[in-house]
Amino acid sequence: MGAEQRVDAFIAAMNDNDVTGACAMLAEAVVYYNIPFQPVEGRAAAEAVLTGMGPMKSIDWEVLNSVAAGDTVCNERIDRFEFADGRTAAVRVMGIFRVADDEIVEWRDYFDPAEFAPG
């Protein structure tokens, strides 16, 4: 599977609200930068960040634009979340993924945290 297909599969798993399945596509030693916050290292730490957002009723990461070059995939997204308690958030994101050996080894998401404040 190519880098773009791996990232597409990762986003599809997130959109299925399958955080565990999505994280299985991350390398054990992945470095996840949720900018502007400090990076976390390791699959378990990345999964903890994602599940730490709280229980989700639905997740919809809409890819607006995507560009792939070699092992790197860049995508512009709107990440929408519906929390189990009915609150929602929509966040504009620029994501950059690097893939090696069919695993995501580096993932950087740039966004404004104020947009994540559930409404």
Protein backbone atom coordinates (compact mmCIF):
# COMPACT_ATOMS: atom_id res chain seq x y z
CA MET A 1 0.00 0.00 0.00
CA GLY A 2 1.33 3.44 -0.87
CA ALA A 3 1.64 6.35 1.54
CA GLU A 4 -1.51 8.09 0.30
CA GLN A 5 -3.55 4.88 0.55
CA ARG A 6 -2.28 4.26 4.11
CA VAL A 7 -3.30 7.77 5.19
CA ASP A 8 -6.68 7.40 3.46
CA ALA A 9 -7.22 4.11 5.34
CA PHE A 10 -6.24 5.79 8.62
CA ILE A 11 -8.74 8.61 8.06
CA ALA A 12 -11.43 6.11 7.03
CA ALA A 13 -10.92 4.23 10.31
CA MET A 14 -11.20 7.48 12.26
CA ASN A 15 -14.40 8.30 10.37
CA ASP A 16 -15.72 4.89 11.41
CA ASN A 17 -14.99 5.98 15.01
CA ASP A 18 -12.48 3.11 15.17
CA VAL A 19 -9.68 4.87 17.02
CA THR A 20 -8.03 1.57 17.97
CA GLY A 21 -8.08 0.39 14.35
CA ALA A 22 -6.70 3.72 13.15
CA CYS A 23 -3.92 3.63 15.74
CA ALA A 24 -2.97 0.12 14.61
CA MET A 25 -1.77 1.84 11.41
CA LEU A 26 0.70 3.95 13.40
CA ALA A 27 4.25 2.72 13.90
CA GLU A 28 5.04 1.60 17.43
CA ALA A 29 7.51 4.52 17.65
CA VAL A 30 5.30 7.11 15.87
CA VAL A 31 5.87 10.75 16.71
CA TYR A 32 2.56 12.66 16.83
CA TYR A 33 2.68 16.45 16.88
CA ASN A 34 -0.70 17.96 17.70
CA ILE A 35 0.59 21.48 17.13
CA PRO A 36 0.57 23.78 19.08
CA PHE A 37 0.96 21.18 21.87
CA GLN A 38 4.05 19.15 22.72
CA PRO A 39 4.62 16.02 20.62
CA VAL A 40 3.91 12.57 21.97
CA GLU A 41 5.95 9.52 21.09
CA GLY A 42 4.65 6.01 20.61
CA ARG A 43 1.45 4.39 19.40
CA ALA A 44 -0.01 4.06 22.91
CA ALA A 45 0.60 7.75 23.66
CA ALA A 46 -1.01 8.83 20.37
CA GLU A 47 -4.02 6.63 21.07
CA ALA A 48 -4.29 8.12 24.57
CA VAL A 49 -4.43 11.63 23.07
CA LEU A 50 -7.17 10.60 20.65
CA THR A 51 -9.26 8.75 23.22
CA GLY A 52 -8.61 11.49 25.78
CA MET A 53 -10.84 13.83 23.79
CA GLY A 54 -13.76 11.96 25.33
CA PRO A 55 -16.34 9.50 24.06
CA MET A 56 -17.46 10.33 20.55
CA LYS A 57 -20.83 9.73 18.98
CA SER A 58 -19.32 10.42 15.56
CA ILE A 59 -16.12 11.56 13.88
CA ASP A 60 -15.99 13.03 10.37
CA TRP A 61 -12.65 14.12 8.98
CA GLU A 62 -13.42 15.73 5.62
CA VAL A 63 -10.36 15.92 3.38
CA LEU A 64 -10.58 19.08 1.28
CA ASN A 65 -7.21 18.75 -0.48
CA SER A 66 -4.53 16.09 -0.43
CA VAL A 67 -1.05 15.99 -1.93
CA ALA A 68 1.35 13.05 -1.82
CA ALA A 69 5.06 13.03 -2.65
CA GLY A 70 7.05 9.90 -1.93
CA ASP A 71 6.56 8.91 1.70
CA THR A 72 4.79 12.16 2.68
CA VAL A 73 1.09 13.02 2.50
CA CYS A 74 -0.29 16.48 3.23
CA ASN A 75 -3.98 17.09 3.61
CA GLU A 76 -6.21 20.02 4.41
CA ARG A 77 -9.17 18.84 6.47
CA ILE A 78 -12.16 19.85 8.49
CA ASP A 79 -12.31 17.51 11.48
CA ARG A 80 -15.82 17.32 12.92
CA PHE A 81 -16.59 15.67 16.23
CA GLU A 82 -19.90 14.91 17.90
CA PHE A 83 -19.37 14.06 21.53
CA ALA A 84 -21.47 11.47 23.33
CA ASP A 85 -23.15 14.27 25.30
CA GLY A 86 -24.30 16.00 22.08
CA ARG A 87 -21.69 18.77 21.96
CA THR A 88 -19.97 19.32 18.61
CA ALA A 89 -16.72 20.81 17.32
CA ALA A 90 -15.41 21.54 13.83
CA VAL A 91 -11.69 22.17 13.44
CA ARG A 92 -9.76 23.30 10.36
CA VAL A 93 -6.60 21.18 10.17
CA MET A 94 -3.49 20.91 8.04
CA GLY A 95 -2.11 17.40 8.46
CA ILE A 96 1.25 16.04 7.37
CA PHE A 97 1.93 12.32 7.53
CA ARG A 98 5.12 10.40 6.80
CA VAL A 99 4.80 6.69 6.03
CA ALA A 100 7.48 3.97 6.11
CA ASP A 101 7.02 0.21 5.81
CA ASP A 102 3.25 0.74 5.45
CA GLU A 103 2.99 2.46 8.85
CA ILE A 104 2.54 6.10 9.76
CA VAL A 105 5.82 7.03 11.46
CA GLU A 106 5.25 10.76 11.85
CA TRP A 107 2.01 12.74 12.03
CA ARG A 108 1.72 16.50 12.45
CA ASP A 109 -1.62 18.30 12.69
CA TYR A 110 -1.66 22.10 12.71
CA PHE A 111 -4.85 23.73 14.02
CA ASP A 112 -6.28 26.45 16.24
CA PRO A 113 -7.21 24.87 19.61
CA ALA A 114 -9.95 27.46 20.13
CA GLU A 115 -11.88 25.77 17.30
CA PHE A 116 -11.86 22.50 19.24
CA ALA A 117 -13.78 23.97 22.17
CA PRO A 118 -16.99 21.95 21.95
CA GLY A 119 -20.15 23.99 21.45
